Amino acid sequence: MTDNVIVIGSDHAGYSLKQVLISHLEEKGWQIIDVGTNGADSVDYPDFGAAVAHALKDRKAPRGIAVCGTGIGISIAANRHDWVRAGLCHDITSARFCRQHNDANVLALGARLIGEEVAKDCVDVFLATEFEGGRHQRRVDKLGFAESA
């Protein structure tokens, strides 16, 4: 696994934004693992939240992005897995703090709630921000995750 690899998945509502984000990331030199969906036909978001989670567990990528209509469902689905800390973000401040304070390894976005430019900014901040550790590590440890992906 290399640091410039990211896994991304979405349901049908997040498909268009996922495609925008893939192009954005590829332009910046990221290697993409796209776990679907591959079109706008209706699918179930838990399947794609799980696909992102399993790519992290299999150490195919250190971080992931999960997109659905609101970001809520797919973040819940991803967070059902012990090794995932998915943060639902709507702006660059939440994207920064989910990394700095919560050591989030999945960025969840709501395609129907934020625009493409804000989503790209969230992705850039999420990927550029490091976990601060310190007092935040103690708090993350209390979340009870088996291991960090």
C-alpha atoms as a PDB file:
ATOM      1  CA  MET A   1       0.000   0.000   0.000  1.00  0.00           C
ATOM      2  CA  THR A   2       1.299   3.426  -0.892  1.00  0.00           C
ATOM      3  CA  ASP A   3       0.273   6.769   0.532  1.00  0.00           C
ATOM      4  CA  ASN A   4      -0.914   8.138  -2.812  1.00  0.00           C
ATOM      5  CA  VAL A   5      -3.687   5.541  -3.203  1.00  0.00           C
ATOM      6  CA  ILE A   6      -7.266   6.235  -2.194  1.00  0.00           C
ATOM      7  CA  VAL A   7     -10.383   4.098  -2.358  1.00  0.00           C
ATOM      8  CA  ILE A   8     -13.652   5.729  -3.365  1.00  0.00           C
ATOM      9  CA  GLY A   9     -17.185   4.417  -3.501  1.00  0.00           C
ATOM     10  CA  SER A  10     -20.694   5.751  -3.886  1.00  0.00           C
ATOM     11  CA  ASP A  11     -24.286   4.805  -4.381  1.00  0.00           C
ATOM     12  CA  HIS A  12     -26.321   6.015  -7.344  1.00  0.00           C
ATOM     13  CA  ALA A  13     -27.001   9.428  -5.751  1.00  0.00           C
ATOM     14  CA  GLY A  14     -23.286  10.014  -5.282  1.00  0.00           C
ATOM     15  CA  TYR A  15     -22.157   8.607  -8.614  1.00  0.00           C
ATOM     16  CA  SER A  16     -21.796  11.926 -10.491  1.00  0.00           C
ATOM     17  CA  LEU A  17     -19.869  13.567  -7.651  1.00  0.00           C
ATOM     18  CA  LYS A  18     -17.685  10.477  -7.310  1.00  0.00           C
ATOM     19  CA  GLN A  19     -16.718  10.805 -10.982  1.00  0.00           C
ATOM     20  CA  VAL A  20     -15.844  14.491 -10.483  1.00  0.00           C
ATOM     21  CA  LEU A  21     -13.707  13.597  -7.458  1.00  0.00           C
ATOM     22  CA  ILE A  22     -11.936  10.795  -9.305  1.00  0.00           C
ATOM     23  CA  SER A  23     -10.941  13.203 -12.090  1.00  0.00           C
ATOM     24  CA  HIS A  24      -9.844  15.786  -9.527  1.00  0.00           C
ATOM     25  CA  LEU A  25      -7.700  13.262  -7.659  1.00  0.00           C
ATOM     26  CA  GLU A  26      -6.166  11.796 -10.808  1.00  0.00           C
ATOM     27  CA  GLU A  27      -5.148  15.298 -11.913  1.00  0.00           C
ATOM     28  CA  LYS A  28      -3.275  15.587  -8.611  1.00  0.00           C
ATOM     29  CA  GLY A  29      -1.475  12.269  -9.124  1.00  0.00           C
ATOM     30  CA  TRP A  30      -3.552  10.020  -6.877  1.00  0.00           C
ATOM     31  CA  GLN A  31      -4.072   6.371  -7.735  1.00  0.00           C
ATOM     32  CA  ILE A  32      -7.766   5.526  -7.441  1.00  0.00           C
ATOM     33  CA  ILE A  33      -9.437   2.316  -6.384  1.00  0.00           C
ATOM     34  CA  ASP A  34     -13.062   2.739  -7.463  1.00  0.00           C
ATOM     35  CA  VAL A  35     -15.310   0.230  -5.692  1.00  0.00           C
ATOM     36  CA  GLY A  36     -18.458   1.382  -7.505  1.00  0.00           C
ATOM     37  CA  THR A  37     -21.191   1.983  -8.220  1.00  0.00           C
ATOM     38  CA  ASN A  38     -20.670   2.337 -11.935  1.00  0.00           C
ATOM     39  CA  GLY A  39     -23.764   4.254 -12.962  1.00  0.00           C
ATOM     40  CA  ALA A  40     -26.881   6.091 -11.874  1.00  0.00           C
ATOM     41  CA  ASP A  41     -29.102   3.008 -11.542  1.00  0.00           C
ATOM     42  CA  SER A  42     -30.498   2.598  -8.039  1.00  0.00           C
ATOM     43  CA  VAL A  43     -28.275   0.598  -5.667  1.00  0.00           C
ATOM     44  CA  ASP A  44     -27.974   0.197  -1.893  1.00  0.00           C
ATOM     45  CA  TYR A  45     -25.517   2.520  -0.130  1.00  0.00           C
ATOM     46  CA  PRO A  46     -24.552  -0.048   2.570  1.00  0.00           C
ATOM     47  CA  ASP A  47     -22.912  -2.188  -0.100  1.00  0.00           C
ATOM     48  CA  PHE A  48     -20.604   0.628  -1.143  1.00  0.00           C
ATOM     49  CA  GLY A  49     -19.833   1.818   2.378  1.00  0.00           C
ATOM     50  CA  ALA A  50     -18.795  -1.768   3.091  1.00  0.00           C
ATOM     51  CA  ALA A  51     -16.732  -1.931  -0.114  1.00  0.00           C
ATOM     52  CA  VAL A  52     -14.756   1.151   0.941  1.00  0.00           C
ATOM     53  CA  ALA A  53     -14.288  -0.341   4.420  1.00  0.00           C
ATOM     54  CA  HIS A  54     -13.070  -3.685   3.110  1.00  0.00           C
ATOM     55  CA  ALA A  55     -10.539  -2.028   0.800  1.00  0.00           C
ATOM     56  CA  LEU A  56      -9.080  -0.323   3.894  1.00  0.00           C
ATOM     57  CA  LYS A  57      -9.027  -3.573   5.864  1.00  0.00           C
ATOM     58  CA  ASP A  58      -7.282  -5.302   2.973  1.00  0.00           C
ATOM     59  CA  ARG A  59      -4.738  -2.453   3.060  1.00  0.00           C
ATOM     60  CA  LYS A  60      -5.344  -1.517  -0.556  1.00  0.00           C
ATOM     61  CA  ALA A  61      -5.430   2.145   0.523  1.00  0.00           C
ATOM     62  CA  PRO A  62      -4.832   4.047   3.778  1.00  0.00           C
ATOM     63  CA  ARG A  63      -7.872   6.331   3.338  1.00  0.00           C
ATOM     64  CA  GLY A  64     -11.172   6.384   1.549  1.00  0.00           C
ATOM     65  CA  ILE A  65     -14.009   8.559   0.313  1.00  0.00           C
ATOM     66  CA  ALA A  66     -17.657   7.506   0.493  1.00  0.00           C
ATOM     67  CA  VAL A  67     -20.448   9.432  -1.239  1.00  0.00           C
ATOM     68  CA  CYS A  68     -24.223   9.111  -1.167  1.00  0.00           C
ATOM     69  CA  GLY A  69     -27.060  11.609  -1.430  1.00  0.00           C
ATOM     70  CA  THR A  70     -26.658  13.058   2.054  1.00  0.00           C
ATOM     71  CA  GLY A  71     -23.508  11.266   3.181  1.00  0.00           C
ATOM     72  CA  ILE A  72     -25.388  10.044   6.242  1.00  0.00           C
ATOM     73  CA  GLY A  73     -26.268   6.524   5.161  1.00  0.00           C
ATOM     74  CA  ILE A  74     -22.915   5.674   3.638  1.00  0.00           C
ATOM     75  CA  SER A  75     -21.055   7.058   6.671  1.00  0.00           C
ATOM     76  CA  ILE A  76     -23.187   4.887   8.977  1.00  0.00           C
ATOM     77  CA  ALA A  77     -22.522   1.882   6.734  1.00  0.00           C
ATOM     78  CA  ALA A  78     -18.761   2.480   6.709  1.00  0.00           C
ATOM     79  CA  ASN A  79     -18.616   3.107  10.462  1.00  0.00           C
ATOM     80  CA  ARG A  80     -20.153  -0.294  11.187  1.00  0.00           C
ATOM     81  CA  HIS A  81     -16.692  -1.732  10.537  1.00  0.00           C
ATOM     82  CA  ASP A  82     -14.256  -1.666  13.474  1.00  0.00           C
ATOM     83  CA  TRP A  83     -11.332  -0.310  11.485  1.00  0.00           C
ATOM     84  CA  VAL A  84     -13.205   2.646   9.990  1.00  0.00           C
ATOM     85  CA  ARG A  85     -13.552   6.161  11.347  1.00  0.00           C
ATOM     86  CA  ALA A  86     -15.734   7.888   8.748  1.00  0.00           C
ATOM     87  CA  GLY A  87     -16.416  11.592   9.146  1.00  0.00           C
ATOM     88  CA  LEU A  88     -19.339  13.213   7.359  1.00  0.00           C
ATOM     89  CA  CYS A  89     -18.134  16.629   6.236  1.00  0.00           C
ATOM     90  CA  HIS A  90     -19.838  19.600   4.643  1.00  0.00           C
ATOM     91  CA  ASP A  91     -16.987  22.117   4.539  1.00  0.00           C
ATOM     92  CA  ILE A  92     -13.216  22.390   4.836  1.00  0.00           C
ATOM     93  CA  THR A  93     -13.353  23.036   8.582  1.00  0.00           C
ATOM     94  CA  SER A  94     -15.115  19.739   9.287  1.00  0.00           C
ATOM     95  CA  ALA A  95     -12.785  17.966   6.841  1.00  0.00           C
ATOM     96  CA  ARG A  96      -9.732  19.349   8.657  1.00  0.00           C
ATOM     97  CA  PHE A  97     -10.984  18.536  12.159  1.00  0.00           C
ATOM     98  CA  CYS A  98     -12.125  15.019  11.316  1.00  0.00           C
ATOM     99  CA  ARG A  99      -8.492  14.306  10.474  1.00  0.00           C
ATOM    100  CA  GLN A 100      -6.760  16.455  13.128  1.00  0.00           C
ATOM    101  CA  HIS A 101      -8.886  15.433  16.095  1.00  0.00           C
ATOM    102  CA  ASN A 102     -10.578  12.156  15.121  1.00  0.00           C
ATOM    103  CA  ASP A 103      -8.002  10.463  12.886  1.00  0.00           C
ATOM    104  CA  ALA A 104     -10.783   9.781  10.366  1.00  0.00           C
ATOM    105  CA  ASN A 105      -9.729   7.437   7.591  1.00  0.00           C
ATOM    106  CA  VAL A 106     -12.874   7.861   5.468  1.00  0.00           C
ATOM    107  CA  LEU A 107     -14.331  11.134   4.254  1.00  0.00           C
ATOM    108  CA  ALA A 108     -18.096  10.919   3.741  1.00  0.00           C
ATOM    109  CA  LEU A 109     -19.804  13.450   1.507  1.00  0.00           C
ATOM    110  CA  GLY A 110     -23.401  14.191   0.596  1.00  0.00           C
ATOM    111  CA  ALA A 111     -23.706  14.800  -3.144  1.00  0.00           C
ATOM    112  CA  ARG A 112     -27.141  16.387  -2.793  1.00  0.00           C
ATOM    113  CA  LEU A 113     -25.985  18.755  -0.045  1.00  0.00           C
ATOM    114  CA  ILE A 114     -22.693  20.246  -1.226  1.00  0.00           C
ATOM    115  CA  GLY A 115     -21.411  21.462  -4.565  1.00  0.00           C
ATOM    116  CA  GLU A 116     -18.585  20.014  -6.566  1.00  0.00           C
ATOM    117  CA  GLU A 117     -16.074  22.731  -5.664  1.00  0.00           C
ATOM    118  CA  VAL A 118     -16.753  22.427  -1.931  1.00  0.00           C
ATOM    119  CA  ALA A 119     -16.469  18.641  -2.223  1.00  0.00           C
ATOM    120  CA  LYS A 120     -13.105  18.942  -3.993  1.00  0.00           C
ATOM    121  CA  ASP A 121     -11.891  21.367  -1.322  1.00  0.00           C
ATOM    122  CA  CYS A 122     -13.005  18.934   1.409  1.00  0.00           C
ATOM    123  CA  VAL A 123     -11.099  16.104  -0.273  1.00  0.00           C
ATOM    124  CA  ASP A 124      -7.946  18.205  -0.606  1.00  0.00           C
ATOM    125  CA  VAL A 125      -8.028  19.278   3.043  1.00  0.00           C
ATOM    126  CA  PHE A 126      -8.858  15.757   4.263  1.00  0.00           C
ATOM    127  CA  LEU A 127      -5.892  14.307   2.369  1.00  0.00           C
ATOM    128  CA  ALA A 128      -3.462  17.061   3.376  1.00  0.00           C
ATOM    129  CA  THR A 129      -4.257  17.063   7.100  1.00  0.00           C
ATOM    130  CA  GLU A 130      -2.430  14.873   9.592  1.00  0.00           C
ATOM    131  CA  PHE A 131      -3.777  13.536  12.877  1.00  0.00           C
ATOM    132  CA  GLU A 132      -2.514  15.657  15.791  1.00  0.00           C
ATOM    133  CA  GLY A 133      -2.343  12.824  18.296  1.00  0.00           C
ATOM    134  CA  GLY A 134      -1.682  13.971  21.870  1.00  0.00           C
ATOM    135  CA  ARG A 135      -4.873  14.429  23.861  1.00  0.00           C
ATOM    136  CA  HIS A 136      -6.835  13.426  20.758  1.00  0.00           C
ATOM    137  CA  GLN A 137      -5.187   9.987  20.702  1.00  0.00           C
ATOM    138  CA  ARG A 138      -6.608   9.219  24.128  1.00  0.00           C
ATOM    139  CA  ARG A 139     -10.067  10.073  22.828  1.00  0.00           C
ATOM    140  CA  VAL A 140      -9.714   8.090  19.626  1.00  0.00           C
ATOM    141  CA  ASP A 141      -8.536   5.114  21.689  1.00  0.00           C
ATOM    142  CA  LYS A 142     -11.822   5.253  23.628  1.00  0.00           C
ATOM    143  CA  LEU A 143     -13.729   4.621  20.419  1.00  0.00           C
ATOM    144  CA  GLY A 144     -12.667   1.001  20.797  1.00  0.00           C
ATOM    145  CA  PHE A 145     -11.562   0.228  17.259  1.00  0.00           C
ATOM    146  CA  ALA A 146      -9.651  -3.013  16.840  1.00  0.00           C
ATOM    147  CA  GLU A 147      -6.999  -1.494  14.604  1.00  0.00           C
ATOM    148  CA  SER A 148      -6.353   1.474  12.413  1.00  0.00           C
ATOM    149  CA  ALA A 149      -6.418   0.776   8.693  1.00  0.00           C
END
